[in-house]
Amino acid sequence: MLVSPSPAAAQPVSPDADSAGMPASDSVLDELREIAGHTPGLARRLAWDYLRELGGRARHDQLAELFARGEAPDGPYGAMEGLIVGRLFGIPEAQLANPLMKIDPTWRGKTFDIEAGTGFNRLSPLARYTLRAVAPLYRGMHRAGDEVVGFEFTHRIDTAAAAPFNRVRALDYSPARYRNPSLRTFPIKRTRDELVELLPGLYLGRALLTMPDGEVRLIAYFALREFSDEHRARS
């Protein structure tokens, strides 16, 4: 059983420093990594809350700083819980997607097979109906327990496709065998996800979209963590 963190333990992620009311991301990450050295589960939960707060305040500058300090991950391994960090941005379609995500984020996380270099996304059951409207010809989704899975990808360690050009785990949705949609309103096939590890078992990701003119544009941040953290927190 894990005890809820005391106010003193949670202090590294409390807002108290920069001009926008958020602590400097580099100092927060240093403190979280120190906590992770002796209490990794607590560090991951504090980091998750910190990322959620940065997303809520649209602090893309601090998220970018964290991403630059992340390390190329050996994982993730298996099923991971997902968090969309803030809102989509940088594309006109975000104006339509963000209100829908506020009602039901739909996306629940990703599952990785490290040895095979493959994976897929996990979504809420509602996805079968909402995505039918924007990608009616996509047939890659199916039920798996209380979730819907689909939008498969391959993955490997690679150099990031946009600054800061660090080493990342890159997720590729373009292989023809997956038949992922490439519609203007849902261009999964032209999306590249990149992951770095901030703490053991906690990953910060970003979604990059290749535009028709070849420009690579950052459109979202997301996070992944092991499900075991939440299960232990509720025990």
C-alpha atoms as a PDB file:
ATOM      1  CA  MET A   1       0.000   0.000   0.000  1.00  0.00           C
ATOM      2  CA  LEU A   2       1.299   3.457  -0.921  1.00  0.00           C
ATOM      3  CA  VAL A   3       0.666   6.427   1.289  1.00  0.00           C
ATOM      4  CA  SER A   4      -0.428   9.678  -0.378  1.00  0.00           C
ATOM      5  CA  PRO A   5       2.467  12.116  -0.641  1.00  0.00           C
ATOM      6  CA  SER A   6       2.700  14.714   2.093  1.00  0.00           C
ATOM      7  CA  PRO A   7       2.776  18.431   1.140  1.00  0.00           C
ATOM      8  CA  ALA A   8       6.536  18.374   1.690  1.00  0.00           C
ATOM      9  CA  ALA A   9       6.981  15.406  -0.654  1.00  0.00           C
ATOM     10  CA  ALA A  10       4.872  17.059  -3.347  1.00  0.00           C
ATOM     11  CA  GLN A  11       6.722  20.370  -3.127  1.00  0.00           C
ATOM     12  CA  PRO A  12       8.922  19.839  -6.242  1.00  0.00           C
ATOM     13  CA  VAL A  13       5.888  20.094  -8.514  1.00  0.00           C
ATOM     14  CA  SER A  14       4.017  22.883  -6.748  1.00  0.00           C
ATOM     15  CA  PRO A  15       3.763  26.116  -8.759  1.00  0.00           C
ATOM     16  CA  ASP A  16       6.034  28.706  -7.190  1.00  0.00           C
ATOM     17  CA  ALA A  17       8.723  29.935  -9.534  1.00  0.00           C
ATOM     18  CA  ASP A  18       8.468  31.350 -13.038  1.00  0.00           C
ATOM     19  CA  SER A  19       6.504  34.325 -14.342  1.00  0.00           C
ATOM     20  CA  ALA A  20       3.585  32.138 -15.441  1.00  0.00           C
ATOM     21  CA  GLY A  21       3.258  30.516 -12.015  1.00  0.00           C
ATOM     22  CA  MET A  22       5.071  27.295 -12.943  1.00  0.00           C
ATOM     23  CA  PRO A  23       8.389  26.024 -11.593  1.00  0.00           C
ATOM     24  CA  ALA A  24      11.314  25.832 -13.995  1.00  0.00           C
ATOM     25  CA  SER A  25      11.067  22.509 -15.825  1.00  0.00           C
ATOM     26  CA  ASP A  26      14.774  21.694 -15.535  1.00  0.00           C
ATOM     27  CA  SER A  27      14.783  22.008 -11.747  1.00  0.00           C
ATOM     28  CA  VAL A  28      11.553  20.026 -11.430  1.00  0.00           C
ATOM     29  CA  LEU A  29      12.939  17.196 -13.541  1.00  0.00           C
ATOM     30  CA  ASP A  30      16.134  17.112 -11.472  1.00  0.00           C
ATOM     31  CA  GLU A  31      14.103  16.815  -8.253  1.00  0.00           C
ATOM     32  CA  LEU A  32      11.814  14.175  -9.729  1.00  0.00           C
ATOM     33  CA  ARG A  33      14.791  12.108 -10.843  1.00  0.00           C
ATOM     34  CA  GLU A  34      16.222  12.357  -7.345  1.00  0.00           C
ATOM     35  CA  ILE A  35      12.919  11.120  -5.882  1.00  0.00           C
ATOM     36  CA  ALA A  36      12.830   8.327  -8.479  1.00  0.00           C
ATOM     37  CA  GLY A  37      16.127   7.037  -7.107  1.00  0.00           C
ATOM     38  CA  HIS A  38      14.420   5.844  -3.918  1.00  0.00           C
ATOM     39  CA  THR A  39      10.640   6.080  -4.573  1.00  0.00           C
ATOM     40  CA  PRO A  40      10.069   5.554  -8.317  1.00  0.00           C
ATOM     41  CA  GLY A  41       6.301   5.100  -8.099  1.00  0.00           C
ATOM     42  CA  LEU A  42       5.859   8.393  -6.251  1.00  0.00           C
ATOM     43  CA  ALA A  43       8.123  10.186  -8.717  1.00  0.00           C
ATOM     44  CA  ARG A  44       6.084   8.931 -11.655  1.00  0.00           C
ATOM     45  CA  ARG A  45       2.815  10.074 -10.080  1.00  0.00           C
ATOM     46  CA  LEU A  46       4.206  13.520  -9.270  1.00  0.00           C
ATOM     47  CA  ALA A  47       5.595  13.818 -12.809  1.00  0.00           C
ATOM     48  CA  TRP A  48       2.227  12.769 -14.288  1.00  0.00           C
ATOM     49  CA  ASP A  49       0.467  15.530 -12.348  1.00  0.00           C
ATOM     50  CA  TYR A  50       3.136  18.035 -13.357  1.00  0.00           C
ATOM     51  CA  LEU A  51       2.747  17.178 -17.050  1.00  0.00           C
ATOM     52  CA  ARG A  52      -1.040  17.451 -16.732  1.00  0.00           C
ATOM     53  CA  GLU A  53      -0.630  20.926 -15.216  1.00  0.00           C
ATOM     54  CA  LEU A  54       1.796  22.051 -17.907  1.00  0.00           C
ATOM     55  CA  GLY A  55      -0.660  20.880 -20.554  1.00  0.00           C
ATOM     56  CA  GLY A  56      -3.543  22.657 -18.856  1.00  0.00           C
ATOM     57  CA  ARG A  57      -1.581  25.899 -19.004  1.00  0.00           C
ATOM     58  CA  ALA A  58      -0.418  25.279 -22.594  1.00  0.00           C
ATOM     59  CA  ARG A  59       3.213  25.549 -21.489  1.00  0.00           C
ATOM     60  CA  HIS A  60       4.628  24.190 -24.729  1.00  0.00           C
ATOM     61  CA  ASP A  61       7.939  25.899 -23.969  1.00  0.00           C
ATOM     62  CA  GLN A  62       8.437  23.900 -20.780  1.00  0.00           C
ATOM     63  CA  LEU A  63       7.222  20.691 -22.379  1.00  0.00           C
ATOM     64  CA  ALA A  64       9.795  21.234 -25.123  1.00  0.00           C
ATOM     65  CA  GLU A  65      12.520  21.695 -22.495  1.00  0.00           C
ATOM     66  CA  LEU A  66      11.519  18.451 -20.803  1.00  0.00           C
ATOM     67  CA  PHE A  67      11.467  16.617 -24.121  1.00  0.00           C
ATOM     68  CA  ALA A  68      14.974  17.869 -24.911  1.00  0.00           C
ATOM     69  CA  ARG A  69      16.238  16.426 -21.616  1.00  0.00           C
ATOM     70  CA  GLY A  70      14.587  13.043 -22.100  1.00  0.00           C
ATOM     71  CA  GLU A  71      16.550   9.921 -22.955  1.00  0.00           C
ATOM     72  CA  ALA A  72      16.044   7.408 -25.757  1.00  0.00           C
ATOM     73  CA  PRO A  73      14.030   4.684 -24.008  1.00  0.00           C
ATOM     74  CA  ASP A  74      14.639   0.954 -23.888  1.00  0.00           C
ATOM     75  CA  GLY A  75      10.868   0.598 -23.462  1.00  0.00           C
ATOM     76  CA  PRO A  76       7.963   1.008 -23.203  1.00  0.00           C
ATOM     77  CA  TYR A  77       7.070  -2.599 -22.471  1.00  0.00           C
ATOM     78  CA  GLY A  78       3.516  -3.821 -22.940  1.00  0.00           C
ATOM     79  CA  ALA A  79       0.387  -1.831 -22.172  1.00  0.00           C
ATOM     80  CA  MET A  80       0.845   1.783 -21.072  1.00  0.00           C
ATOM     81  CA  GLU A  81      -1.671   4.273 -19.747  1.00  0.00           C
ATOM     82  CA  GLY A  82      -1.916   7.416 -21.868  1.00  0.00           C
ATOM     83  CA  LEU A  83      -2.489  11.106 -21.149  1.00  0.00           C
ATOM     84  CA  ILE A  84      -3.033  13.770 -23.789  1.00  0.00           C
ATOM     85  CA  VAL A  85      -0.984  16.651 -22.371  1.00  0.00           C
ATOM     86  CA  GLY A  86      -3.136  19.701 -23.016  1.00  0.00           C
ATOM     87  CA  ARG A  87      -4.751  20.260 -26.406  1.00  0.00           C
ATOM     88  CA  LEU A  88      -3.936  19.749 -30.055  1.00  0.00           C
ATOM     89  CA  PHE A  89      -2.389  22.801 -31.685  1.00  0.00           C
ATOM     90  CA  GLY A  90      -0.740  24.004 -34.870  1.00  0.00           C
ATOM     91  CA  ILE A  91      -3.364  22.725 -37.323  1.00  0.00           C
ATOM     92  CA  PRO A  92      -6.860  24.003 -38.266  1.00  0.00           C
ATOM     93  CA  GLU A  93      -8.390  20.605 -37.411  1.00  0.00           C
ATOM     94  CA  ALA A  94      -7.556  21.225 -33.732  1.00  0.00           C
ATOM     95  CA  GLN A  95     -10.555  23.571 -33.527  1.00  0.00           C
ATOM     96  CA  LEU A  96     -12.822  20.596 -34.226  1.00  0.00           C
ATOM     97  CA  ALA A  97     -10.884  17.924 -32.324  1.00  0.00           C
ATOM     98  CA  ASN A  98     -10.322  19.751 -29.026  1.00  0.00           C
ATOM     99  CA  PRO A  99     -14.013  20.223 -28.109  1.00  0.00           C
ATOM    100  CA  LEU A 100     -14.653  16.537 -28.844  1.00  0.00           C
ATOM    101  CA  MET A 101     -11.654  15.471 -26.743  1.00  0.00           C
ATOM    102  CA  LYS A 102     -12.986  17.544 -23.847  1.00  0.00           C
ATOM    103  CA  ILE A 103     -16.170  15.450 -23.883  1.00  0.00           C
ATOM    104  CA  ASP A 104     -14.357  12.109 -24.228  1.00  0.00           C
ATOM    105  CA  PRO A 105     -10.599  11.922 -24.868  1.00  0.00           C
ATOM    106  CA  THR A 106     -11.227   8.498 -26.504  1.00  0.00           C
ATOM    107  CA  TRP A 107      -7.507   7.642 -26.464  1.00  0.00           C
ATOM    108  CA  ARG A 108      -6.445   5.510 -23.481  1.00  0.00           C
ATOM    109  CA  GLY A 109      -2.844   4.642 -24.282  1.00  0.00           C
ATOM    110  CA  LYS A 110      -0.575   2.418 -26.334  1.00  0.00           C
ATOM    111  CA  THR A 111       0.692  -1.156 -26.207  1.00  0.00           C
ATOM    112  CA  PHE A 112       4.213  -2.048 -27.346  1.00  0.00           C
ATOM    113  CA  ASP A 113       5.887  -5.259 -28.428  1.00  0.00           C
ATOM    114  CA  ILE A 114       9.538  -4.303 -28.068  1.00  0.00           C
ATOM    115  CA  GLU A 115      10.970  -7.472 -29.612  1.00  0.00           C
ATOM    116  CA  ALA A 116       8.739  -7.316 -32.680  1.00  0.00           C
ATOM    117  CA  GLY A 117       9.044  -3.526 -33.011  1.00  0.00           C
ATOM    118  CA  THR A 118       5.283  -3.125 -33.332  1.00  0.00           C
ATOM    119  CA  GLY A 119       2.410  -1.699 -31.338  1.00  0.00           C
ATOM    120  CA  PHE A 120      -1.107  -0.317 -31.388  1.00  0.00           C
ATOM    121  CA  ASN A 121      -3.300   2.331 -29.778  1.00  0.00           C
ATOM    122  CA  ARG A 122      -6.021   1.612 -27.248  1.00  0.00           C
ATOM    123  CA  LEU A 123      -9.229   3.632 -27.227  1.00  0.00           C
ATOM    124  CA  SER A 124     -12.550   3.819 -25.437  1.00  0.00           C
ATOM    125  CA  PRO A 125     -15.523   1.927 -26.954  1.00  0.00           C
ATOM    126  CA  LEU A 126     -16.969   5.269 -28.069  1.00  0.00           C
ATOM    127  CA  ALA A 127     -14.155   5.487 -30.629  1.00  0.00           C
ATOM    128  CA  ARG A 128     -15.872   2.978 -32.906  1.00  0.00           C
ATOM    129  CA  TYR A 129     -18.689   5.481 -33.419  1.00  0.00           C
ATOM    130  CA  THR A 130     -16.864   8.818 -33.361  1.00  0.00           C
ATOM    131  CA  LEU A 131     -14.076   7.681 -35.691  1.00  0.00           C
ATOM    132  CA  ARG A 132     -16.544   6.149 -38.121  1.00  0.00           C
ATOM    133  CA  ALA A 133     -17.667   9.691 -38.913  1.00  0.00           C
ATOM    134  CA  VAL A 134     -14.155  10.982 -39.747  1.00  0.00           C
ATOM    135  CA  ALA A 135     -12.569   7.804 -41.160  1.00  0.00           C
ATOM    136  CA  PRO A 136     -15.456   5.668 -42.468  1.00  0.00           C
ATOM    137  CA  LEU A 137     -13.244   3.402 -44.598  1.00  0.00           C
ATOM    138  CA  TYR A 138     -10.810   2.437 -41.829  1.00  0.00           C
ATOM    139  CA  ARG A 139     -11.347  -1.195 -40.819  1.00  0.00           C
ATOM    140  CA  GLY A 140      -8.430  -1.675 -38.443  1.00  0.00           C
ATOM    141  CA  MET A 141     -10.296  -1.296 -35.149  1.00  0.00           C
ATOM    142  CA  HIS A 142     -11.619  -4.195 -33.064  1.00  0.00           C
ATOM    143  CA  ARG A 143     -12.826  -4.841 -29.534  1.00  0.00           C
ATOM    144  CA  ALA A 144     -10.379  -6.150 -26.938  1.00  0.00           C
ATOM    145  CA  GLY A 145     -12.080  -6.504 -23.569  1.00  0.00           C
ATOM    146  CA  ASP A 146     -13.463  -3.138 -22.481  1.00  0.00           C
ATOM    147  CA  GLU A 147     -11.404  -1.237 -25.064  1.00  0.00           C
ATOM    148  CA  VAL A 148     -11.094  -0.779 -28.817  1.00  0.00           C
ATOM    149  CA  VAL A 149      -7.639  -1.235 -30.358  1.00  0.00           C
ATOM    150  CA  GLY A 150      -6.269  -0.078 -33.682  1.00  0.00           C
ATOM    151  CA  PHE A 151      -4.004   2.403 -35.494  1.00  0.00           C
ATOM    152  CA  GLU A 152      -1.010   0.073 -35.475  1.00  0.00           C
ATOM    153  CA  PHE A 153       2.574   1.238 -35.836  1.00  0.00           C
ATOM    154  CA  THR A 154       6.164   0.110 -36.042  1.00  0.00           C
ATOM    155  CA  HIS A 155       8.787   1.633 -33.741  1.00  0.00           C
ATOM    156  CA  ARG A 156      12.543   1.961 -33.412  1.00  0.00           C
ATOM    157  CA  ILE A 157      15.226   4.184 -31.903  1.00  0.00           C
ATOM    158  CA  ASP A 158      15.951   7.062 -34.276  1.00  0.00           C
ATOM    159  CA  THR A 159      17.031  10.703 -34.421  1.00  0.00           C
ATOM    160  CA  ALA A 160      14.123  13.082 -33.832  1.00  0.00           C
ATOM    161  CA  ALA A 161      12.576  14.511 -36.990  1.00  0.00           C
ATOM    162  CA  ALA A 162      12.400  18.043 -35.536  1.00  0.00           C
ATOM    163  CA  ALA A 163      14.473  20.124 -33.111  1.00  0.00           C
ATOM    164  CA  PRO A 164      16.114  19.378 -30.691  1.00  0.00           C
ATOM    165  CA  PHE A 165      17.044  16.304 -32.808  1.00  0.00           C
ATOM    166  CA  ASN A 166      17.771  14.084 -29.802  1.00  0.00           C
ATOM    167  CA  ARG A 167      17.513  10.293 -29.850  1.00  0.00           C
ATOM    168  CA  VAL A 168      13.935   9.061 -29.473  1.00  0.00           C
ATOM    169  CA  ARG A 169      11.756   6.013 -29.925  1.00  0.00           C
ATOM    170  CA  ALA A 170       9.971   6.864 -33.165  1.00  0.00           C
ATOM    171  CA  LEU A 171       6.535   5.438 -33.996  1.00  0.00           C
ATOM    172  CA  ASP A 172       5.708   5.049 -37.688  1.00  0.00           C
ATOM    173  CA  TYR A 173       2.076   4.722 -38.804  1.00  0.00           C
ATOM    174  CA  SER A 174       2.815   4.688 -42.538  1.00  0.00           C
ATOM    175  CA  PRO A 175       3.369   0.959 -43.364  1.00  0.00           C
ATOM    176  CA  ALA A 176       0.841   0.006 -46.029  1.00  0.00           C
ATOM    177  CA  ARG A 177      -0.154  -3.224 -44.250  1.00  0.00           C
ATOM    178  CA  TYR A 178      -1.812  -1.223 -41.447  1.00  0.00           C
ATOM    179  CA  ARG A 179      -4.040   0.761 -43.811  1.00  0.00           C
ATOM    180  CA  ASN A 180      -4.088   3.716 -41.427  1.00  0.00           C
ATOM    181  CA  PRO A 181      -6.142   6.684 -42.678  1.00  0.00           C
ATOM    182  CA  SER A 182      -4.505   9.694 -44.291  1.00  0.00           C
ATOM    183  CA  LEU A 183      -7.525  11.962 -44.501  1.00  0.00           C
ATOM    184  CA  ARG A 184      -7.247  15.709 -44.035  1.00  0.00           C
ATOM    185  CA  THR A 185      -9.420  15.447 -40.935  1.00  0.00           C
ATOM    186  CA  PHE A 186      -7.622  12.371 -39.575  1.00  0.00           C
ATOM    187  CA  PRO A 187      -4.099  12.036 -41.033  1.00  0.00           C
ATOM    188  CA  ILE A 188      -2.791   9.174 -38.881  1.00  0.00           C
ATOM    189  CA  LYS A 189      -0.673   7.774 -41.707  1.00  0.00           C
ATOM    190  CA  ARG A 190       1.272  11.054 -41.924  1.00  0.00           C
ATOM    191  CA  THR A 191       1.819  11.255 -38.153  1.00  0.00           C
ATOM    192  CA  ARG A 192       5.058  10.312 -36.433  1.00  0.00           C
ATOM    193  CA  ASP A 193       5.072   9.934 -32.646  1.00  0.00           C
ATOM    194  CA  GLU A 194       8.341  10.372 -30.767  1.00  0.00           C
ATOM    195  CA  LEU A 195       9.001   9.221 -27.199  1.00  0.00           C
ATOM    196  CA  VAL A 196      11.659  10.034 -24.630  1.00  0.00           C
ATOM    197  CA  GLU A 197      11.969   8.644 -21.112  1.00  0.00           C
ATOM    198  CA  LEU A 198      11.854  11.274 -18.360  1.00  0.00           C
ATOM    199  CA  LEU A 199      11.868   8.828 -15.425  1.00  0.00           C
ATOM    200  CA  PRO A 200      12.052   5.031 -15.312  1.00  0.00           C
ATOM    201  CA  GLY A 201       8.646   3.886 -16.581  1.00  0.00           C
ATOM    202  CA  LEU A 202       7.389   7.384 -17.493  1.00  0.00           C
ATOM    203  CA  TYR A 203       7.586   8.755 -21.030  1.00  0.00           C
ATOM    204  CA  LEU A 204       6.902  12.099 -22.669  1.00  0.00           C
ATOM    205  CA  GLY A 205       5.779  11.924 -26.278  1.00  0.00           C
ATOM    206  CA  ARG A 206       5.081  14.364 -29.046  1.00  0.00           C
ATOM    207  CA  ALA A 207       3.106  13.986 -32.269  1.00  0.00           C
ATOM    208  CA  LEU A 208       4.599  15.333 -35.487  1.00  0.00           C
ATOM    209  CA  LEU A 209       2.525  15.741 -38.633  1.00  0.00           C
ATOM    210  CA  THR A 210       4.049  15.892 -42.125  1.00  0.00           C
ATOM    211  CA  MET A 211       2.118  18.535 -44.044  1.00  0.00           C
ATOM    212  CA  PRO A 212       1.357  18.207 -47.793  1.00  0.00           C
ATOM    213  CA  ASP A 213       4.243  20.582 -48.582  1.00  0.00           C
ATOM    214  CA  GLY A 214       6.692  18.434 -46.602  1.00  0.00           C
ATOM    215  CA  GLU A 215       6.823  20.631 -43.480  1.00  0.00           C
ATOM    216  CA  VAL A 216       7.064  18.636 -40.236  1.00  0.00           C
ATOM    217  CA  ARG A 217       4.805  20.297 -37.674  1.00  0.00           C
ATOM    218  CA  LEU A 218       4.471  19.628 -33.930  1.00  0.00           C
ATOM    219  CA  ILE A 219       0.778  19.192 -33.100  1.00  0.00           C
ATOM    220  CA  ALA A 220       0.535  17.609 -29.628  1.00  0.00           C
ATOM    221  CA  TYR A 221       2.257  16.280 -26.524  1.00  0.00           C
ATOM    222  CA  PHE A 222       1.258  13.132 -24.656  1.00  0.00           C
ATOM    223  CA  ALA A 223       2.543  10.993 -21.796  1.00  0.00           C
ATOM    224  CA  LEU A 224       2.701   7.260 -21.075  1.00  0.00           C
ATOM    225  CA  ARG A 225       3.188   5.389 -17.801  1.00  0.00           C
ATOM    226  CA  GLU A 226       2.865   1.930 -16.364  1.00  0.00           C
ATOM    227  CA  PHE A 227      -0.636   1.003 -15.191  1.00  0.00           C
ATOM    228  CA  SER A 228       0.780  -0.459 -11.979  1.00  0.00           C
ATOM    229  CA  ASP A 229       1.290   3.008 -10.516  1.00  0.00           C
ATOM    230  CA  GLU A 230      -2.416   3.790 -10.450  1.00  0.00           C
ATOM    231  CA  HIS A 231      -3.337   0.299  -9.232  1.00  0.00           C
ATOM    232  CA  ARG A 232      -0.989   0.665  -6.279  1.00  0.00           C
ATOM    233  CA  ALA A 233      -2.141   4.204  -5.550  1.00  0.00           C
ATOM    234  CA  ARG A 234      -5.722   2.996  -5.146  1.00  0.00           C
ATOM    235  CA  SER A 235      -4.809   0.008  -2.960  1.00  0.00           C
END
